[in-house]
Protein backbone atom coordinates (compact mmCIF):
# COMPACT_ATOMS: atom_id res chain seq x y z
CA UNK A 1 0.00 0.00 0.00
CA UNK A 2 1.17 3.51 -0.75
CA UNK A 3 2.29 5.53 2.27
CA UNK A 4 -0.18 8.36 2.80
CA UNK A 5 -0.68 11.00 5.46
CA UNK A 6 -3.75 10.59 7.67
CA UNK A 7 -5.59 13.28 5.72
CA UNK A 8 -4.66 11.76 2.35
CA UNK A 9 -5.73 8.31 3.54
CA UNK A 10 -9.07 9.66 4.77
CA UNK A 11 -9.64 11.36 1.40
CA UNK A 12 -8.64 8.15 -0.40
CA UNK A 13 -11.10 6.08 1.66
CA UNK A 14 -13.92 8.53 0.96
CA UNK A 15 -13.16 8.93 -2.76
CA UNK A 16 -12.45 5.31 -3.72
CA UNK A 17 -16.06 4.06 -3.87
CA UNK A 18 -17.14 7.21 -5.70
CA UNK A 19 -14.44 6.67 -8.33
CA UNK A 20 -15.55 3.08 -8.80
CA UNK A 21 -19.17 4.19 -9.35
CA UNK A 22 -17.88 6.29 -12.27
CA UNK A 23 -15.86 3.43 -13.75
CA UNK A 24 -12.59 4.96 -12.57
CA UNK A 25 -9.80 3.67 -10.39
CA UNK A 26 -8.55 5.85 -7.57
CA UNK A 27 -4.80 5.28 -7.75
CA UNK A 28 -3.55 7.49 -4.95
CA UNK A 29 -4.15 10.55 -2.79
CA UNK A 30 -1.73 13.06 -1.37
CA UNK A 31 -2.00 15.97 1.02
CA UNK A 32 1.03 18.26 0.74
CA UNK A 33 2.12 21.64 1.90
CA UNK A 34 3.78 23.62 -0.86
CA UNK A 35 4.98 26.99 0.30
CA UNK A 36 2.24 28.49 2.43
CA UNK A 37 -0.58 26.55 0.73
CA UNK A 38 -1.88 23.00 1.17
CA UNK A 39 -2.90 20.76 -1.72
CA UNK A 40 -5.14 17.72 -1.74
CA UNK A 41 -4.56 15.71 -4.93
CA UNK A 42 -6.45 12.64 -6.04
CA UNK A 43 -4.96 10.55 -8.84
CA UNK A 44 -7.34 8.54 -11.01
CA UNK A 45 -6.96 6.20 -13.94
CA UNK A 46 -9.06 3.93 -16.13
CA UNK A 47 -8.45 1.18 -18.63
CA UNK A 48 -7.75 2.76 -21.98
CA UNK A 49 -6.60 6.03 -20.40
CA UNK A 50 -8.14 9.19 -19.02
CA UNK A 51 -9.23 12.40 -20.63
CA UNK A 52 -9.87 15.82 -19.14
CA UNK A 53 -13.62 15.14 -18.97
CA UNK A 54 -13.02 12.14 -16.68
CA UNK A 55 -11.05 14.35 -14.29
CA UNK A 56 -13.70 17.08 -14.41
CA UNK A 57 -16.63 14.71 -13.76
CA UNK A 58 -14.81 13.05 -10.86
CA UNK A 59 -13.78 16.41 -9.41
CA UNK A 60 -17.35 17.76 -9.53
CA UNK A 61 -18.66 14.52 -7.99
CA UNK A 62 -16.17 14.15 -5.16
CA UNK A 63 -15.57 17.79 -4.18
CA UNK A 64 -18.86 18.27 -2.26
CA UNK A 65 -18.52 14.84 -0.65
CA UNK A 66 -15.02 15.67 0.60
CA UNK A 67 -16.24 19.08 1.81
CA UNK A 68 -18.88 17.32 3.88
CA UNK A 69 -16.94 14.28 5.16
CA UNK A 70 -13.27 15.24 5.32
CA UNK A 71 -12.23 16.85 8.60
CA UNK A 72 -9.56 19.04 7.00
CA UNK A 73 -9.71 21.68 4.28
CA UNK A 74 -6.95 22.08 1.72
CA UNK A 75 -6.28 25.41 0.08
CA UNK A 76 -6.38 23.69 -3.32
CA UNK A 77 -8.03 20.49 -4.56
CA UNK A 78 -6.84 18.78 -7.74
CA UNK A 79 -7.74 15.64 -9.68
CA UNK A 80 -5.09 14.30 -11.99
CA UNK A 81 -3.80 11.35 -13.95
CA UNK A 82 -0.91 9.56 -12.24
CA UNK A 83 1.17 9.92 -15.42
CA UNK A 84 2.52 7.37 -17.85
CA UNK A 85 5.70 6.51 -16.01
CA UNK A 86 4.67 6.67 -12.38
CA UNK A 87 6.25 3.94 -10.26
CA UNK A 88 4.23 0.79 -9.66
CA UNK A 89 3.94 0.10 -5.95
CA UNK A 90 0.91 -2.04 -5.15
CA UNK A 91 -0.39 -5.33 -6.57
CA UNK A 92 -3.24 -3.38 -8.21
CA UNK A 93 -0.66 -1.35 -10.16
CA UNK A 94 0.93 -4.53 -11.51
CA UNK A 95 -2.48 -6.05 -12.33
CA UNK A 96 -3.45 -2.91 -14.24
CA UNK A 97 -0.42 -3.33 -16.52
CA UNK A 98 -0.48 -7.12 -16.81
CA UNK A 99 0.99 -8.32 -20.12
CA UNK A 100 2.75 -4.96 -20.59
CA UNK A 101 6.49 -4.25 -20.57
CA UNK A 102 7.89 -2.91 -17.32
CA UNK A 103 11.36 -1.55 -16.50
CA UNK A 104 12.42 -3.20 -13.25
CA UNK A 105 15.29 -2.37 -10.87
CA UNK A 106 16.01 -4.66 -7.96
CA UNK A 107 17.58 -3.83 -4.62
CA UNK A 108 20.11 -6.60 -5.15
CA UNK A 109 21.03 -8.88 -8.01
CA UNK A 110 19.16 -12.11 -8.56
CA UNK A 111 21.02 -14.60 -10.77
CA UNK A 112 23.36 -11.80 -11.85
CA UNK A 113 20.52 -9.48 -12.92
CA UNK A 114 19.68 -6.20 -11.18
CA UNK A 115 17.85 -4.31 -13.99
CA UNK A 116 15.70 -5.71 -16.76
CA UNK A 117 12.85 -5.00 -19.15
CA UNK A 118 10.15 -7.59 -18.65
CA UNK A 119 6.53 -8.39 -19.32
CA UNK A 120 4.21 -9.00 -16.37
CA UNK A 121 2.84 -12.54 -16.58
CA UNK A 122 1.16 -13.09 -13.22
CA UNK A 123 0.34 -11.01 -10.15
CA UNK A 124 -0.58 -12.13 -6.64
CA UNK A 125 -0.83 -10.16 -3.41
CA UNK A 126 2.69 -11.32 -2.49
CA UNK A 127 4.57 -11.70 -5.80
CA UNK A 128 4.77 -10.73 -9.43
CA UNK A 129 6.08 -12.95 -12.25
CA UNK A 130 8.02 -11.34 -15.10
CA UNK A 131 9.25 -12.71 -18.40
CA UNK A 132 12.40 -11.10 -19.78
CA UNK A 133 15.17 -11.78 -22.26
CA UNK A 134 18.80 -12.20 -21.36
CA UNK A 135 21.46 -13.20 -23.89
CA UNK A 136 18.72 -14.07 -26.43
CA UNK A 137 17.14 -16.46 -23.94
CA UNK A 138 13.65 -15.96 -22.49
CA UNK A 139 13.58 -16.27 -18.70
CA UNK A 140 10.95 -16.01 -15.98
CA UNK A 141 11.45 -14.64 -12.50
CA UNK A 142 9.08 -14.48 -9.54
CA UNK A 143 9.74 -11.52 -7.27
CA UNK A 144 8.38 -10.44 -3.93
CA UNK A 145 7.40 -6.76 -3.92
CA UNK A 146 10.02 -5.95 -1.30
CA UNK A 147 12.75 -7.12 -3.72
CA UNK A 148 11.73 -4.49 -6.30
CA UNK A 149 13.44 -1.12 -5.86
CA UNK A 150 11.58 0.51 -8.74
CA UNK A 151 9.21 -0.59 -11.48
CA UNK A 152 7.77 1.68 -14.18
CA UNK A 153 5.93 1.14 -17.44
CA UNK A 154 8.11 0.95 -20.51
CA UNK A 155 6.72 3.48 -22.99
CA UNK A 156 7.61 3.08 -26.66
CA UNK A 157 7.01 5.95 -29.06
């Protein structure tokens, strides 16, 4: 699970079911102080990608609910996409990008490999299975989440 402040977690818990009703996935929430102002940001996604209308509809839906139920007011409220190359951190992130190529960095080498480009084959709550090529040979590796230092989508243009 992503590490969130108490306020961000409360906003996440309130917003998650509302996002699901709209066919969206609430990916994360953050409550941050930037300069003298505070920001509450909710990050949403959906299969096939988001557009500005999705963000606007969710914002208009969730804003009054947060005003009523959240015990803390932010100076600014934003709804955003998490971005194409945001790090994957939870099993849901890996499930979302199943069968896609992911750039993976490990905390320590496993069978002489610390960084690789692999395709997600299987995801459980404890592990993720990748397929990757090394020396023109296709290999599979099962990793626990705590072994992964960083994983991001591989975007080809």
